[in-house]
C-alpha atoms as a PDB file:
ATOM      1  CA  UNK A   1     -23.725-116.523  25.825  1.00  0.00           C
ATOM      2  CA  UNK A   2     -23.888-117.369  22.141  1.00  0.00           C
ATOM      3  CA  UNK A   3     -23.123-120.870  20.899  1.00  0.00           C
ATOM      4  CA  UNK A   4     -22.250-120.028  17.268  1.00  0.00           C
ATOM      5  CA  UNK A   5     -18.543-119.206  16.994  1.00  0.00           C
ATOM      6  CA  UNK A   6     -18.957-117.126  13.836  1.00  0.00           C
ATOM      7  CA  UNK A   7     -21.621-114.979  15.453  1.00  0.00           C
ATOM      8  CA  UNK A   8     -19.377-114.475  18.486  1.00  0.00           C
ATOM      9  CA  UNK A   9     -16.660-113.061  16.236  1.00  0.00           C
ATOM     10  CA  UNK A  10     -19.107-110.847  14.349  1.00  0.00           C
ATOM     11  CA  UNK A  11     -20.428-109.416  17.617  1.00  0.00           C
ATOM     12  CA  UNK A  12     -16.893-109.029  18.959  1.00  0.00           C
ATOM     13  CA  UNK A  13     -15.921-106.939  15.937  1.00  0.00           C
ATOM     14  CA  UNK A  14     -19.196-105.029  16.020  1.00  0.00           C
ATOM     15  CA  UNK A  15     -18.772-104.035  19.685  1.00  0.00           C
ATOM     16  CA  UNK A  16     -15.009-103.504  19.417  1.00  0.00           C
ATOM     17  CA  UNK A  17     -15.520-100.656  16.934  1.00  0.00           C
ATOM     18  CA  UNK A  18     -17.432 -98.328  19.306  1.00  0.00           C
ATOM     19  CA  UNK A  19     -15.226 -99.388  22.233  1.00  0.00           C
ATOM     20  CA  UNK A  20     -12.065 -98.461  20.337  1.00  0.00           C
ATOM     21  CA  UNK A  21     -13.646 -95.236  19.084  1.00  0.00           C
ATOM     22  CA  UNK A  22     -14.578 -94.345  22.667  1.00  0.00           C
ATOM     23  CA  UNK A  23     -11.012 -94.964  23.828  1.00  0.00           C
ATOM     24  CA  UNK A  24      -9.636 -92.911  20.943  1.00  0.00           C
ATOM     25  CA  UNK A  25     -11.939 -89.978  21.750  1.00  0.00           C
ATOM     26  CA  UNK A  26     -11.169 -90.360  25.452  1.00  0.00           C
ATOM     27  CA  UNK A  27      -7.444 -89.962  24.754  1.00  0.00           C
ATOM     28  CA  UNK A  28      -7.833 -86.804  22.671  1.00  0.00           C
ATOM     29  CA  UNK A  29      -6.713 -83.699  24.583  1.00  0.00           C
ATOM     30  CA  UNK A  30      -9.589 -81.619  23.190  1.00  0.00           C
ATOM     31  CA  UNK A  31     -12.266 -83.846  24.743  1.00  0.00           C
ATOM     32  CA  UNK A  32     -13.962 -82.163  27.689  1.00  0.00           C
ATOM     33  CA  UNK A  33     -14.872 -83.801  30.983  1.00  0.00           C
ATOM     34  CA  UNK A  34     -18.443 -84.638  30.013  1.00  0.00           C
ATOM     35  CA  UNK A  35     -17.229 -86.110  26.735  1.00  0.00           C
ATOM     36  CA  UNK A  36     -14.628 -88.169  28.557  1.00  0.00           C
ATOM     37  CA  UNK A  37     -17.244 -89.665  30.860  1.00  0.00           C
ATOM     38  CA  UNK A  38     -19.474 -90.564  27.923  1.00  0.00           C
ATOM     39  CA  UNK A  39     -16.642 -92.072  25.889  1.00  0.00           C
ATOM     40  CA  UNK A  40     -15.368 -94.029  28.881  1.00  0.00           C
ATOM     41  CA  UNK A  41     -18.856 -95.443  29.452  1.00  0.00           C
ATOM     42  CA  UNK A  42     -19.174 -96.384  25.771  1.00  0.00           C
ATOM     43  CA  UNK A  43     -15.796 -98.126  25.823  1.00  0.00           C
ATOM     44  CA  UNK A  44     -16.545-100.032  29.032  1.00  0.00           C
ATOM     45  CA  UNK A  45     -19.988-101.099  27.834  1.00  0.00           C
ATOM     46  CA  UNK A  46     -18.518-102.239  24.506  1.00  0.00           C
ATOM     47  CA  UNK A  47     -15.966-104.405  26.305  1.00  0.00           C
ATOM     48  CA  UNK A  48     -18.673-105.921  28.494  1.00  0.00           C
ATOM     49  CA  UNK A  49     -20.863-106.623  25.465  1.00  0.00           C
ATOM     50  CA  UNK A  50     -17.936-108.474  23.895  1.00  0.00           C
ATOM     51  CA  UNK A  51     -17.522-110.493  27.082  1.00  0.00           C
ATOM     52  CA  UNK A  52     -21.199-111.447  27.053  1.00  0.00           C
ATOM     53  CA  UNK A  53     -20.769-113.198  23.721  1.00  0.00           C
ATOM     54  CA  UNK A  54     -18.036-115.554  24.950  1.00  0.00           C
ATOM     55  CA  UNK A  55     -18.156-118.430  27.468  1.00  0.00           C
ATOM     56  CA  UNK A  56     -15.633-116.760  29.802  1.00  0.00           C
ATOM     57  CA  UNK A  57     -17.986-113.791  30.056  1.00  0.00           C
ATOM     58  CA  UNK A  58     -20.402-115.927  32.038  1.00  0.00           C
ATOM     59  CA  UNK A  59     -17.832-116.003  34.857  1.00  0.00           C
ATOM     60  CA  UNK A  60     -17.930-112.226  35.315  1.00  0.00           C
ATOM     61  CA  UNK A  61     -19.906-110.863  38.242  1.00  0.00           C
ATOM     62  CA  UNK A  62     -23.351-109.625  37.257  1.00  0.00           C
ATOM     63  CA  UNK A  63     -23.786-106.795  39.779  1.00  0.00           C
ATOM     64  CA  UNK A  64     -20.926-104.599  38.446  1.00  0.00           C
ATOM     65  CA  UNK A  65     -22.282-105.025  34.926  1.00  0.00           C
ATOM     66  CA  UNK A  66     -25.767-103.956  35.997  1.00  0.00           C
ATOM     67  CA  UNK A  67     -24.305-100.955  37.833  1.00  0.00           C
ATOM     68  CA  UNK A  68     -22.225 -99.917  34.808  1.00  0.00           C
ATOM     69  CA  UNK A  69     -25.069-100.214  32.288  1.00  0.00           C
ATOM     70  CA  UNK A  70     -27.496 -98.437  34.639  1.00  0.00           C
ATOM     71  CA  UNK A  71     -24.990 -95.635  35.239  1.00  0.00           C
ATOM     72  CA  UNK A  72     -24.450 -95.361  31.489  1.00  0.00           C
ATOM     73  CA  UNK A  73     -28.171 -95.202  30.767  1.00  0.00           C
ATOM     74  CA  UNK A  74     -28.717 -92.537  33.420  1.00  0.00           C
ATOM     75  CA  UNK A  75     -25.675 -90.561  32.274  1.00  0.00           C
ATOM     76  CA  UNK A  76     -26.740 -90.468  28.628  1.00  0.00           C
ATOM     77  CA  UNK A  77     -30.330 -89.512  29.448  1.00  0.00           C
ATOM     78  CA  UNK A  78     -29.125 -86.742  31.772  1.00  0.00           C
ATOM     79  CA  UNK A  79     -26.528 -85.584  29.248  1.00  0.00           C
ATOM     80  CA  UNK A  80     -29.124 -85.343  26.499  1.00  0.00           C
ATOM     81  CA  UNK A  81     -31.329 -83.178  28.697  1.00  0.00           C
ATOM     82  CA  UNK A  82     -28.616 -80.957  30.174  1.00  0.00           C
ATOM     83  CA  UNK A  83     -26.220 -80.609  27.218  1.00  0.00           C
ATOM     84  CA  UNK A  84     -28.367 -80.417  24.081  1.00  0.00           C
ATOM     85  CA  UNK A  85     -25.465 -79.691  21.742  1.00  0.00           C
ATOM     86  CA  UNK A  86     -25.352 -77.059  19.046  1.00  0.00           C
ATOM     87  CA  UNK A  87     -29.054 -77.135  18.151  1.00  0.00           C
ATOM     88  CA  UNK A  88     -32.227 -76.792  20.139  1.00  0.00           C
ATOM     89  CA  UNK A  89     -34.232 -79.967  20.757  1.00  0.00           C
ATOM     90  CA  UNK A  90     -36.757 -79.114  18.053  1.00  0.00           C
ATOM     91  CA  UNK A  91     -33.962 -78.097  15.664  1.00  0.00           C
ATOM     92  CA  UNK A  92     -32.196 -81.420  16.198  1.00  0.00           C
ATOM     93  CA  UNK A  93     -35.410 -83.360  15.530  1.00  0.00           C
ATOM     94  CA  UNK A  94     -36.098 -81.368  12.341  1.00  0.00           C
ATOM     95  CA  UNK A  95     -32.508 -81.855  11.148  1.00  0.00           C
ATOM     96  CA  UNK A  96     -32.680 -85.601  11.789  1.00  0.00           C
ATOM     97  CA  UNK A  97     -35.900 -85.839   9.761  1.00  0.00           C
ATOM     98  CA  UNK A  98     -34.564 -83.942   6.758  1.00  0.00           C
ATOM     99  CA  UNK A  99     -33.436 -85.930   3.764  1.00  0.00           C
ATOM    100  CA  UNK A 100     -29.970 -84.991   2.502  1.00  0.00           C
ATOM    101  CA  UNK A 101     -29.936 -83.191  -0.819  1.00  0.00           C
END
């Protein structure tokens, strides 16, 4: 838990953005099953991160949080290995290292 009220609000807004984005992408009809799982995990983890910044978040059970964050970590690692996206691994690394012109 964080004692500074201003920092709590900053973190709440910071984690609310990806949580809301995840919910928005989850609701889109064009999102596939694997995308839905990823967006749902992002939204749930964002909500839990918000809770961790506030005193009432200390009352939440720890075990479900550990399970959710572990499942999310495993899901995203597996997804990155199984579903590489539009580029090959080496192509994605080269594209990330390129400076935009």
